[in-house]
Amino acid sequence: MFAKQSGALLRRLALAGLLLLAGHSFAGQAGGLYLVSVGIGDPDNITVRAQKIIQQADIVFGMQRLRERLPELLVGKEMHEAGHGLFGTLSRRDAPDDKLREQEAETRRIIRAAVQAGKTVAVIDYGDPTLYGPQTGYLREFSDLSPVVVPGISSFNAANAALGRSITSGGESRSVILTAAAGMRENYQGRDTLAKLAETRSTLVFFTMGMNLPEAVDQLKRHYPGDTPIAIVSHAGAADRQAVLQATLDTVLERLGGDKLPFEHLIYVGDFLR
């Protein structure tokens, strides 16, 4: 009994020491740029590391909706709007060129001046910033500053948990393909069209909003049997809103009954759902 208690005590002390060392390592850094995930869904899905980085940041960039999730962490911080897809192609669909160039120039000035002065800048984002994230343009634009990505709980992690199944344990496939279904867009020239991906009959996970689901189902049924399971996970990670709809390729459109899917959803197709 004494040995077990001693072992447990040592493990707790070791964990405390690691956390202390982590705090010292962050505090000892002379500024820098971080792309930080605050998790997806409920605010408590943020990681300890992300909290530490944000607490130590002098300047925080983030979209307004995201900033409103973290009022306690952001008290006293210099705040700026991060935009949606800044320094990339995504934002150019939604903003006039002059306005966009002006915002990018101001953002560039603030970040470079801050890092040069030894300050810490955190760009906050949902989920995993590098997995269908809108702020990866910061990594390209400021690559010479060696930005650090702080990963977090993504909608993929949260949706997997909502399904409660091993997604690599299908009967016909042990592979999982994450896709934005770019192949459904007109004039797409890539080799990973939905038709090509469907030929593998791997488990597919769609990271895409506004997808034409009837068209996707039609393309999928050319390669998958009609009784292949499909699941739609909405608002993954949000305890009060998370929902899972399970059907098959043959029945999913009828099950939806013409209802519009919420903006935040993932679609899974694969026999691991049986």
C-alpha atoms as a PDB file:
ATOM      1  CA  MET A   1       0.000   0.000   0.000  1.00  0.00           C
ATOM      2  CA  PHE A   2       2.825   2.374   0.943  1.00  0.00           C
ATOM      3  CA  ALA A   3       4.586   1.622  -2.359  1.00  0.00           C
ATOM      4  CA  LYS A   4       1.450   2.442  -4.334  1.00  0.00           C
ATOM      5  CA  GLN A   5       0.943   5.713  -2.465  1.00  0.00           C
ATOM      6  CA  SER A   6       4.589   6.647  -2.936  1.00  0.00           C
ATOM      7  CA  GLY A   7       4.373   5.906  -6.649  1.00  0.00           C
ATOM      8  CA  ALA A   8       1.270   8.047  -7.038  1.00  0.00           C
ATOM      9  CA  LEU A   9       2.922  10.888  -5.115  1.00  0.00           C
ATOM     10  CA  LEU A  10       6.020  10.732  -7.323  1.00  0.00           C
ATOM     11  CA  ARG A  11       3.884  10.851 -10.462  1.00  0.00           C
ATOM     12  CA  ARG A  12       2.043  13.928  -9.179  1.00  0.00           C
ATOM     13  CA  LEU A  13       5.301  15.625  -8.289  1.00  0.00           C
ATOM     14  CA  ALA A  14       6.753  14.805 -11.697  1.00  0.00           C
ATOM     15  CA  LEU A  15       3.694  16.261 -13.443  1.00  0.00           C
ATOM     16  CA  ALA A  16       3.885  19.400 -11.313  1.00  0.00           C
ATOM     17  CA  GLY A  17       7.571  19.720 -12.190  1.00  0.00           C
ATOM     18  CA  LEU A  18       6.835  19.407 -15.912  1.00  0.00           C
ATOM     19  CA  LEU A  19       4.173  22.095 -15.718  1.00  0.00           C
ATOM     20  CA  LEU A  20       6.548  24.349 -13.776  1.00  0.00           C
ATOM     21  CA  LEU A  21       9.300  23.812 -16.326  1.00  0.00           C
ATOM     22  CA  ALA A  22       6.854  24.519 -19.148  1.00  0.00           C
ATOM     23  CA  GLY A  23       5.859  27.780 -17.477  1.00  0.00           C
ATOM     24  CA  HIS A  24       9.499  28.789 -17.079  1.00  0.00           C
ATOM     25  CA  SER A  25      10.313  27.941 -20.694  1.00  0.00           C
ATOM     26  CA  PHE A  26       7.476  30.092 -22.020  1.00  0.00           C
ATOM     27  CA  ALA A  27       8.236  32.947 -19.658  1.00  0.00           C
ATOM     28  CA  GLY A  28      11.891  32.936 -20.626  1.00  0.00           C
ATOM     29  CA  GLN A  29      11.243  33.453 -24.310  1.00  0.00           C
ATOM     30  CA  ALA A  30      11.918  36.955 -25.667  1.00  0.00           C
ATOM     31  CA  GLY A  31       8.686  37.430 -27.578  1.00  0.00           C
ATOM     32  CA  GLY A  32       7.582  35.733 -30.739  1.00  0.00           C
ATOM     33  CA  LEU A  33       4.543  34.915 -32.848  1.00  0.00           C
ATOM     34  CA  TYR A  34       2.128  32.101 -31.982  1.00  0.00           C
ATOM     35  CA  LEU A  35      -0.850  30.684 -33.838  1.00  0.00           C
ATOM     36  CA  VAL A  36      -2.931  29.334 -30.964  1.00  0.00           C
ATOM     37  CA  SER A  37      -5.921  26.998 -30.980  1.00  0.00           C
ATOM     38  CA  VAL A  38      -8.518  27.691 -28.305  1.00  0.00           C
ATOM     39  CA  GLY A  39     -10.337  24.446 -29.082  1.00  0.00           C
ATOM     40  CA  ILE A  40     -13.739  23.858 -30.615  1.00  0.00           C
ATOM     41  CA  GLY A  41     -17.200  23.903 -29.097  1.00  0.00           C
ATOM     42  CA  ASP A  42     -17.333  24.765 -25.394  1.00  0.00           C
ATOM     43  CA  PRO A  43     -14.743  27.212 -23.987  1.00  0.00           C
ATOM     44  CA  ASP A  44     -13.337  24.564 -21.623  1.00  0.00           C
ATOM     45  CA  ASN A  45     -11.969  22.641 -24.619  1.00  0.00           C
ATOM     46  CA  ILE A  46      -8.915  24.912 -24.564  1.00  0.00           C
ATOM     47  CA  THR A  47      -5.596  23.289 -23.599  1.00  0.00           C
ATOM     48  CA  VAL A  48      -3.359  24.294 -20.697  1.00  0.00           C
ATOM     49  CA  ARG A  49      -0.578  25.263 -23.101  1.00  0.00           C
ATOM     50  CA  ALA A  50      -2.880  27.531 -25.091  1.00  0.00           C
ATOM     51  CA  GLN A  51      -3.991  29.251 -21.886  1.00  0.00           C
ATOM     52  CA  LYS A  52      -0.379  29.896 -20.888  1.00  0.00           C
ATOM     53  CA  ILE A  53       0.567  31.376 -24.246  1.00  0.00           C
ATOM     54  CA  ILE A  54      -2.462  33.677 -24.312  1.00  0.00           C
ATOM     55  CA  GLN A  55      -1.905  34.774 -20.718  1.00  0.00           C
ATOM     56  CA  GLN A  56       1.680  35.725 -21.538  1.00  0.00           C
ATOM     57  CA  ALA A  57       0.822  37.430 -24.834  1.00  0.00           C
ATOM     58  CA  ASP A  58       1.145  41.197 -25.070  1.00  0.00           C
ATOM     59  CA  ILE A  59      -0.952  41.418 -28.243  1.00  0.00           C
ATOM     60  CA  VAL A  60      -3.769  39.141 -29.403  1.00  0.00           C
ATOM     61  CA  PHE A  61      -5.288  38.900 -32.878  1.00  0.00           C
ATOM     62  CA  GLY A  62      -8.606  37.090 -33.222  1.00  0.00           C
ATOM     63  CA  MET A  63     -12.016  37.210 -34.830  1.00  0.00           C
ATOM     64  CA  GLN A  64     -14.598  39.001 -32.689  1.00  0.00           C
ATOM     65  CA  ARG A  65     -16.729  35.920 -32.052  1.00  0.00           C
ATOM     66  CA  LEU A  66     -13.667  34.056 -30.849  1.00  0.00           C
ATOM     67  CA  ARG A  67     -12.463  36.906 -28.638  1.00  0.00           C
ATOM     68  CA  GLU A  68     -15.860  36.983 -26.933  1.00  0.00           C
ATOM     69  CA  ARG A  69     -15.340  33.385 -25.780  1.00  0.00           C
ATOM     70  CA  LEU A  70     -12.302  34.276 -23.673  1.00  0.00           C
ATOM     71  CA  PRO A  71     -13.054  37.487 -21.753  1.00  0.00           C
ATOM     72  CA  GLU A  72     -11.087  36.490 -18.637  1.00  0.00           C
ATOM     73  CA  LEU A  73      -7.967  35.480 -20.574  1.00  0.00           C
ATOM     74  CA  LEU A  74      -7.936  38.644 -22.662  1.00  0.00           C
ATOM     75  CA  VAL A  75      -8.259  41.254 -19.914  1.00  0.00           C
ATOM     76  CA  GLY A  76      -5.633  43.952 -20.377  1.00  0.00           C
ATOM     77  CA  LYS A  77      -4.428  42.657 -23.755  1.00  0.00           C
ATOM     78  CA  GLU A  78      -3.935  44.826 -26.815  1.00  0.00           C
ATOM     79  CA  MET A  79      -6.575  43.393 -29.156  1.00  0.00           C
ATOM     80  CA  HIS A  80      -6.846  43.390 -32.947  1.00  0.00           C
ATOM     81  CA  GLU A  81      -9.161  41.823 -35.512  1.00  0.00           C
ATOM     82  CA  ALA A  82      -7.490  38.815 -37.169  1.00  0.00           C
ATOM     83  CA  GLY A  83      -9.717  38.713 -40.231  1.00  0.00           C
ATOM     84  CA  HIS A  84     -10.832  35.515 -41.918  1.00  0.00           C
ATOM     85  CA  GLY A  85      -8.203  34.072 -44.223  1.00  0.00           C
ATOM     86  CA  LEU A  86      -5.902  37.096 -44.029  1.00  0.00           C
ATOM     87  CA  PHE A  87      -2.727  36.814 -46.159  1.00  0.00           C
ATOM     88  CA  GLY A  88      -4.424  34.080 -48.187  1.00  0.00           C
ATOM     89  CA  THR A  89      -6.960  33.653 -50.968  1.00  0.00           C
ATOM     90  CA  LEU A  90      -9.956  32.992 -48.714  1.00  0.00           C
ATOM     91  CA  SER A  91     -10.469  36.565 -47.523  1.00  0.00           C
ATOM     92  CA  ARG A  92     -10.323  37.974 -51.044  1.00  0.00           C
ATOM     93  CA  ARG A  93     -13.755  36.546 -51.761  1.00  0.00           C
ATOM     94  CA  ASP A  94     -15.365  38.623 -49.004  1.00  0.00           C
ATOM     95  CA  ALA A  95     -13.619  42.019 -48.875  1.00  0.00           C
ATOM     96  CA  PRO A  96     -12.789  44.762 -51.391  1.00  0.00           C
ATOM     97  CA  ASP A  97      -9.129  44.700 -52.414  1.00  0.00           C
ATOM     98  CA  ASP A  98      -8.340  48.176 -50.987  1.00  0.00           C
ATOM     99  CA  LYS A  99      -9.853  47.355 -47.590  1.00  0.00           C
ATOM    100  CA  LEU A 100      -8.065  44.009 -47.480  1.00  0.00           C
ATOM    101  CA  ARG A 101      -4.689  45.438 -48.442  1.00  0.00           C
ATOM    102  CA  GLU A 102      -5.075  48.115 -45.783  1.00  0.00           C
ATOM    103  CA  GLN A 103      -5.875  45.569 -43.079  1.00  0.00           C
ATOM    104  CA  GLU A 104      -2.998  43.322 -44.116  1.00  0.00           C
ATOM    105  CA  ALA A 105      -0.537  46.224 -44.132  1.00  0.00           C
ATOM    106  CA  GLU A 106      -1.590  47.347 -40.643  1.00  0.00           C
ATOM    107  CA  THR A 107      -1.449  43.791 -39.309  1.00  0.00           C
ATOM    108  CA  ARG A 108       1.992  43.317 -40.830  1.00  0.00           C
ATOM    109  CA  ARG A 109       3.234  46.543 -39.229  1.00  0.00           C
ATOM    110  CA  ILE A 110       1.891  45.718 -35.759  1.00  0.00           C
ATOM    111  CA  ILE A 111       3.218  42.166 -35.640  1.00  0.00           C
ATOM    112  CA  ARG A 112       6.698  42.907 -36.972  1.00  0.00           C
ATOM    113  CA  ALA A 113       7.164  45.909 -34.684  1.00  0.00           C
ATOM    114  CA  ALA A 114       5.965  43.923 -31.661  1.00  0.00           C
ATOM    115  CA  VAL A 115       8.198  40.907 -32.243  1.00  0.00           C
ATOM    116  CA  GLN A 116      11.177  43.157 -32.922  1.00  0.00           C
ATOM    117  CA  ALA A 117      10.500  44.832 -29.569  1.00  0.00           C
ATOM    118  CA  GLY A 118      10.557  41.458 -27.823  1.00  0.00           C
ATOM    119  CA  LYS A 119       6.794  41.206 -27.344  1.00  0.00           C
ATOM    120  CA  THR A 120       4.664  38.075 -27.659  1.00  0.00           C
ATOM    121  CA  VAL A 121       1.879  38.055 -30.239  1.00  0.00           C
ATOM    122  CA  ALA A 122      -0.846  35.396 -30.251  1.00  0.00           C
ATOM    123  CA  VAL A 123      -3.161  34.834 -33.211  1.00  0.00           C
ATOM    124  CA  ILE A 124      -6.056  32.790 -31.845  1.00  0.00           C
ATOM    125  CA  ASP A 125      -8.093  30.365 -33.910  1.00  0.00           C
ATOM    126  CA  TYR A 126     -10.655  27.598 -33.516  1.00  0.00           C
ATOM    127  CA  GLY A 127      -9.830  23.898 -33.392  1.00  0.00           C
ATOM    128  CA  ASP A 128      -6.618  22.820 -35.042  1.00  0.00           C
ATOM    129  CA  PRO A 129      -5.344  25.924 -36.895  1.00  0.00           C
ATOM    130  CA  THR A 130      -3.713  23.842 -39.642  1.00  0.00           C
ATOM    131  CA  LEU A 131      -6.757  21.655 -40.296  1.00  0.00           C
ATOM    132  CA  TYR A 132      -9.187  23.623 -42.461  1.00  0.00           C
ATOM    133  CA  GLY A 133      -8.262  26.732 -40.470  1.00  0.00           C
ATOM    134  CA  PRO A 134      -8.727  30.319 -41.708  1.00  0.00           C
ATOM    135  CA  GLN A 135      -5.526  31.764 -40.224  1.00  0.00           C
ATOM    136  CA  THR A 136      -2.758  29.700 -41.858  1.00  0.00           C
ATOM    137  CA  GLY A 137      -1.911  32.738 -44.014  1.00  0.00           C
ATOM    138  CA  TYR A 138      -0.127  34.171 -40.966  1.00  0.00           C
ATOM    139  CA  LEU A 139       2.300  31.239 -41.064  1.00  0.00           C
ATOM    140  CA  ARG A 140       3.266  31.996 -44.663  1.00  0.00           C
ATOM    141  CA  GLU A 141       3.403  35.763 -44.275  1.00  0.00           C
ATOM    142  CA  PHE A 142       5.585  35.680 -41.153  1.00  0.00           C
ATOM    143  CA  SER A 143       7.596  32.532 -41.844  1.00  0.00           C
ATOM    144  CA  ASP A 144      10.835  34.461 -41.225  1.00  0.00           C
ATOM    145  CA  LEU A 145       9.699  35.021 -37.614  1.00  0.00           C
ATOM    146  CA  SER A 146       9.490  31.232 -37.052  1.00  0.00           C
ATOM    147  CA  PRO A 147       5.898  31.266 -35.798  1.00  0.00           C
ATOM    148  CA  VAL A 148       4.915  28.480 -33.405  1.00  0.00           C
ATOM    149  CA  VAL A 149       1.640  26.598 -33.854  1.00  0.00           C
ATOM    150  CA  VAL A 150      -0.117  25.553 -30.644  1.00  0.00           C
ATOM    151  CA  PRO A 151      -2.523  22.749 -31.621  1.00  0.00           C
ATOM    152  CA  GLY A 152      -5.822  22.102 -29.925  1.00  0.00           C
ATOM    153  CA  ILE A 153      -9.009  20.083 -29.957  1.00  0.00           C
ATOM    154  CA  SER A 154     -10.386  20.264 -33.486  1.00  0.00           C
ATOM    155  CA  SER A 155     -13.871  19.523 -34.736  1.00  0.00           C
ATOM    156  CA  PHE A 156     -12.405  16.252 -36.030  1.00  0.00           C
ATOM    157  CA  ASN A 157     -11.344  15.214 -32.512  1.00  0.00           C
ATOM    158  CA  ALA A 158     -14.662  16.309 -31.029  1.00  0.00           C
ATOM    159  CA  ALA A 159     -16.762  14.629 -33.736  1.00  0.00           C
ATOM    160  CA  ASN A 160     -14.829  11.365 -33.360  1.00  0.00           C
ATOM    161  CA  ALA A 161     -15.637  11.450 -29.655  1.00  0.00           C
ATOM    162  CA  ALA A 162     -19.306  12.154 -30.401  1.00  0.00           C
ATOM    163  CA  LEU A 163     -19.459   9.085 -32.655  1.00  0.00           C
ATOM    164  CA  GLY A 164     -17.761   6.947 -30.016  1.00  0.00           C
ATOM    165  CA  ARG A 165     -16.198   4.559 -32.525  1.00  0.00           C
ATOM    166  CA  SER A 166     -12.761   3.708 -33.853  1.00  0.00           C
ATOM    167  CA  ILE A 167     -12.780   5.292 -37.287  1.00  0.00           C
ATOM    168  CA  THR A 168      -9.862   3.135 -38.490  1.00  0.00           C
ATOM    169  CA  SER A 169     -11.700  -0.125 -37.769  1.00  0.00           C
ATOM    170  CA  GLY A 170     -13.903  -0.478 -40.816  1.00  0.00           C
ATOM    171  CA  GLY A 171     -14.586  -3.883 -42.299  1.00  0.00           C
ATOM    172  CA  GLU A 172     -13.461  -2.942 -45.805  1.00  0.00           C
ATOM    173  CA  SER A 173     -11.055  -0.090 -45.098  1.00  0.00           C
ATOM    174  CA  ARG A 174      -8.686   0.916 -42.299  1.00  0.00           C
ATOM    175  CA  SER A 175      -7.849   4.228 -43.997  1.00  0.00           C
ATOM    176  CA  VAL A 176      -9.387   7.628 -43.321  1.00  0.00           C
ATOM    177  CA  ILE A 177      -9.337  10.487 -45.836  1.00  0.00           C
ATOM    178  CA  LEU A 178      -9.984  14.042 -44.660  1.00  0.00           C
ATOM    179  CA  THR A 179     -11.218  16.156 -47.542  1.00  0.00           C
ATOM    180  CA  ALA A 180     -12.664  19.565 -48.300  1.00  0.00           C
ATOM    181  CA  ALA A 181     -14.293  18.022 -51.384  1.00  0.00           C
ATOM    182  CA  ALA A 182     -12.635  20.568 -53.622  1.00  0.00           C
ATOM    183  CA  GLY A 183     -13.261  18.205 -56.504  1.00  0.00           C
ATOM    184  CA  MET A 184     -16.923  19.187 -56.488  1.00  0.00           C
ATOM    185  CA  ARG A 185     -16.073  22.754 -57.468  1.00  0.00           C
ATOM    186  CA  GLU A 186     -16.125  23.819 -61.075  1.00  0.00           C
ATOM    187  CA  ASN A 187     -12.798  23.909 -62.924  1.00  0.00           C
ATOM    188  CA  TYR A 188     -10.967  22.085 -60.105  1.00  0.00           C
ATOM    189  CA  GLN A 189      -7.741  20.684 -61.596  1.00  0.00           C
ATOM    190  CA  GLY A 190      -6.459  18.526 -58.724  1.00  0.00           C
ATOM    191  CA  ARG A 191      -6.172  14.752 -58.834  1.00  0.00           C
ATOM    192  CA  ASP A 192      -8.170  14.283 -55.625  1.00  0.00           C
ATOM    193  CA  THR A 193     -11.656  14.727 -57.051  1.00  0.00           C
ATOM    194  CA  LEU A 194     -14.492  13.222 -55.037  1.00  0.00           C
ATOM    195  CA  ALA A 195     -14.901  10.562 -57.696  1.00  0.00           C
ATOM    196  CA  LYS A 196     -11.229   9.545 -57.343  1.00  0.00           C
ATOM    197  CA  LEU A 197     -11.404   9.481 -53.544  1.00  0.00           C
ATOM    198  CA  ALA A 198     -14.592   7.424 -53.624  1.00  0.00           C
ATOM    199  CA  GLU A 199     -12.918   4.792 -55.792  1.00  0.00           C
ATOM    200  CA  THR A 200     -10.805   3.763 -52.772  1.00  0.00           C
ATOM    201  CA  ARG A 201     -13.938   3.178 -50.641  1.00  0.00           C
ATOM    202  CA  SER A 202     -11.969   4.463 -47.681  1.00  0.00           C
ATOM    203  CA  THR A 203     -13.677   6.218 -44.790  1.00  0.00           C
ATOM    204  CA  LEU A 204     -14.232   9.815 -45.906  1.00  0.00           C
ATOM    205  CA  VAL A 205     -14.538  12.789 -43.554  1.00  0.00           C
ATOM    206  CA  PHE A 206     -15.766  15.977 -45.199  1.00  0.00           C
ATOM    207  CA  PHE A 207     -14.440  19.301 -43.893  1.00  0.00           C
ATOM    208  CA  THR A 208     -16.623  21.561 -45.937  1.00  0.00           C
ATOM    209  CA  MET A 209     -19.498  23.968 -45.385  1.00  0.00           C
ATOM    210  CA  GLY A 210     -22.156  24.596 -47.964  1.00  0.00           C
ATOM    211  CA  MET A 211     -21.456  21.353 -49.840  1.00  0.00           C
ATOM    212  CA  ASN A 212     -24.145  20.186 -52.241  1.00  0.00           C
ATOM    213  CA  LEU A 213     -25.073  17.057 -50.292  1.00  0.00           C
ATOM    214  CA  PRO A 214     -27.454  15.518 -52.885  1.00  0.00           C
ATOM    215  CA  GLU A 215     -24.733  15.829 -55.543  1.00  0.00           C
ATOM    216  CA  ALA A 216     -22.137  14.357 -53.180  1.00  0.00           C
ATOM    217  CA  VAL A 217     -24.389  11.430 -52.309  1.00  0.00           C
ATOM    218  CA  ASP A 218     -24.981  10.790 -55.997  1.00  0.00           C
ATOM    219  CA  GLN A 219     -21.235  10.676 -56.703  1.00  0.00           C
ATOM    220  CA  LEU A 220     -20.518   8.500 -53.663  1.00  0.00           C
ATOM    221  CA  LYS A 221     -23.162   5.937 -54.621  1.00  0.00           C
ATOM    222  CA  ARG A 222     -21.328   5.295 -57.880  1.00  0.00           C
ATOM    223  CA  HIS A 223     -18.631   3.567 -55.804  1.00  0.00           C
ATOM    224  CA  TYR A 224     -20.067   2.823 -52.347  1.00  0.00           C
ATOM    225  CA  PRO A 225     -23.067   0.503 -51.812  1.00  0.00           C
ATOM    226  CA  GLY A 226     -26.273   2.331 -51.018  1.00  0.00           C
ATOM    227  CA  ASP A 227     -26.355   0.807 -47.527  1.00  0.00           C
ATOM    228  CA  THR A 228     -22.967   2.368 -46.614  1.00  0.00           C
ATOM    229  CA  PRO A 229     -23.427   4.246 -43.318  1.00  0.00           C
ATOM    230  CA  ILE A 230     -23.150   8.032 -43.177  1.00  0.00           C
ATOM    231  CA  ALA A 231     -23.071  10.242 -40.090  1.00  0.00           C
ATOM    232  CA  ILE A 232     -23.464  13.998 -39.809  1.00  0.00           C
ATOM    233  CA  VAL A 233     -22.064  15.508 -36.611  1.00  0.00           C
ATOM    234  CA  SER A 234     -23.273  19.052 -35.924  1.00  0.00           C
ATOM    235  CA  HIS A 235     -21.720  21.491 -33.416  1.00  0.00           C
ATOM    236  CA  ALA A 236     -19.088  18.991 -32.292  1.00  0.00           C
ATOM    237  CA  GLY A 237     -17.707  19.718 -28.828  1.00  0.00           C
ATOM    238  CA  ALA A 238     -20.622  21.928 -27.735  1.00  0.00           C
ATOM    239  CA  ALA A 239     -22.422  19.964 -25.019  1.00  0.00           C
ATOM    240  CA  ASP A 240     -25.771  21.756 -25.346  1.00  0.00           C
ATOM    241  CA  ARG A 241     -25.934  21.703 -29.173  1.00  0.00           C
ATOM    242  CA  GLN A 242     -23.942  18.697 -30.370  1.00  0.00           C
ATOM    243  CA  ALA A 243     -26.054  16.306 -32.452  1.00  0.00           C
ATOM    244  CA  VAL A 244     -25.391  13.180 -34.509  1.00  0.00           C
ATOM    245  CA  LEU A 245     -27.570  12.019 -37.393  1.00  0.00           C
ATOM    246  CA  GLN A 246     -26.869   8.495 -38.671  1.00  0.00           C
ATOM    247  CA  ALA A 247     -28.284   7.065 -41.869  1.00  0.00           C
ATOM    248  CA  THR A 248     -27.098   5.403 -45.079  1.00  0.00           C
ATOM    249  CA  LEU A 249     -26.316   6.824 -48.484  1.00  0.00           C
ATOM    250  CA  ASP A 250     -29.740   5.554 -49.570  1.00  0.00           C
ATOM    251  CA  THR A 251     -31.649   7.199 -46.706  1.00  0.00           C
ATOM    252  CA  VAL A 252     -29.736  10.301 -45.584  1.00  0.00           C
ATOM    253  CA  LEU A 253     -31.511  12.807 -47.818  1.00  0.00           C
ATOM    254  CA  GLU A 254     -34.909  11.499 -46.736  1.00  0.00           C
ATOM    255  CA  ARG A 255     -33.827  11.601 -43.083  1.00  0.00           C
ATOM    256  CA  LEU A 256     -32.829  15.251 -43.459  1.00  0.00           C
ATOM    257  CA  GLY A 257     -36.163  16.017 -45.044  1.00  0.00           C
ATOM    258  CA  GLY A 258     -34.898  19.131 -46.759  1.00  0.00           C
ATOM    259  CA  ASP A 259     -33.540  20.643 -43.523  1.00  0.00           C
ATOM    260  CA  LYS A 260     -30.505  22.852 -44.004  1.00  0.00           C
ATOM    261  CA  LEU A 261     -27.369  21.715 -42.236  1.00  0.00           C
ATOM    262  CA  PRO A 262     -25.828  24.143 -39.725  1.00  0.00           C
ATOM    263  CA  PHE A 263     -22.588  25.856 -40.678  1.00  0.00           C
ATOM    264  CA  GLU A 264     -20.639  23.768 -38.147  1.00  0.00           C
ATOM    265  CA  HIS A 265     -20.839  20.143 -39.198  1.00  0.00           C
ATOM    266  CA  LEU A 266     -18.719  17.210 -40.352  1.00  0.00           C
ATOM    267  CA  ILE A 267     -19.837  14.367 -42.598  1.00  0.00           C
ATOM    268  CA  TYR A 268     -18.483  10.814 -42.200  1.00  0.00           C
ATOM    269  CA  VAL A 269     -18.954   8.062 -44.753  1.00  0.00           C
ATOM    270  CA  GLY A 270     -17.677   4.549 -44.045  1.00  0.00           C
ATOM    271  CA  ASP A 271     -18.548   1.084 -42.817  1.00  0.00           C
ATOM    272  CA  PHE A 272     -16.831   1.689 -39.461  1.00  0.00           C
ATOM    273  CA  LEU A 273     -20.230   3.129 -38.465  1.00  0.00           C
ATOM    274  CA  ARG A 274     -21.987  -0.249 -38.699  1.00  0.00           C
END
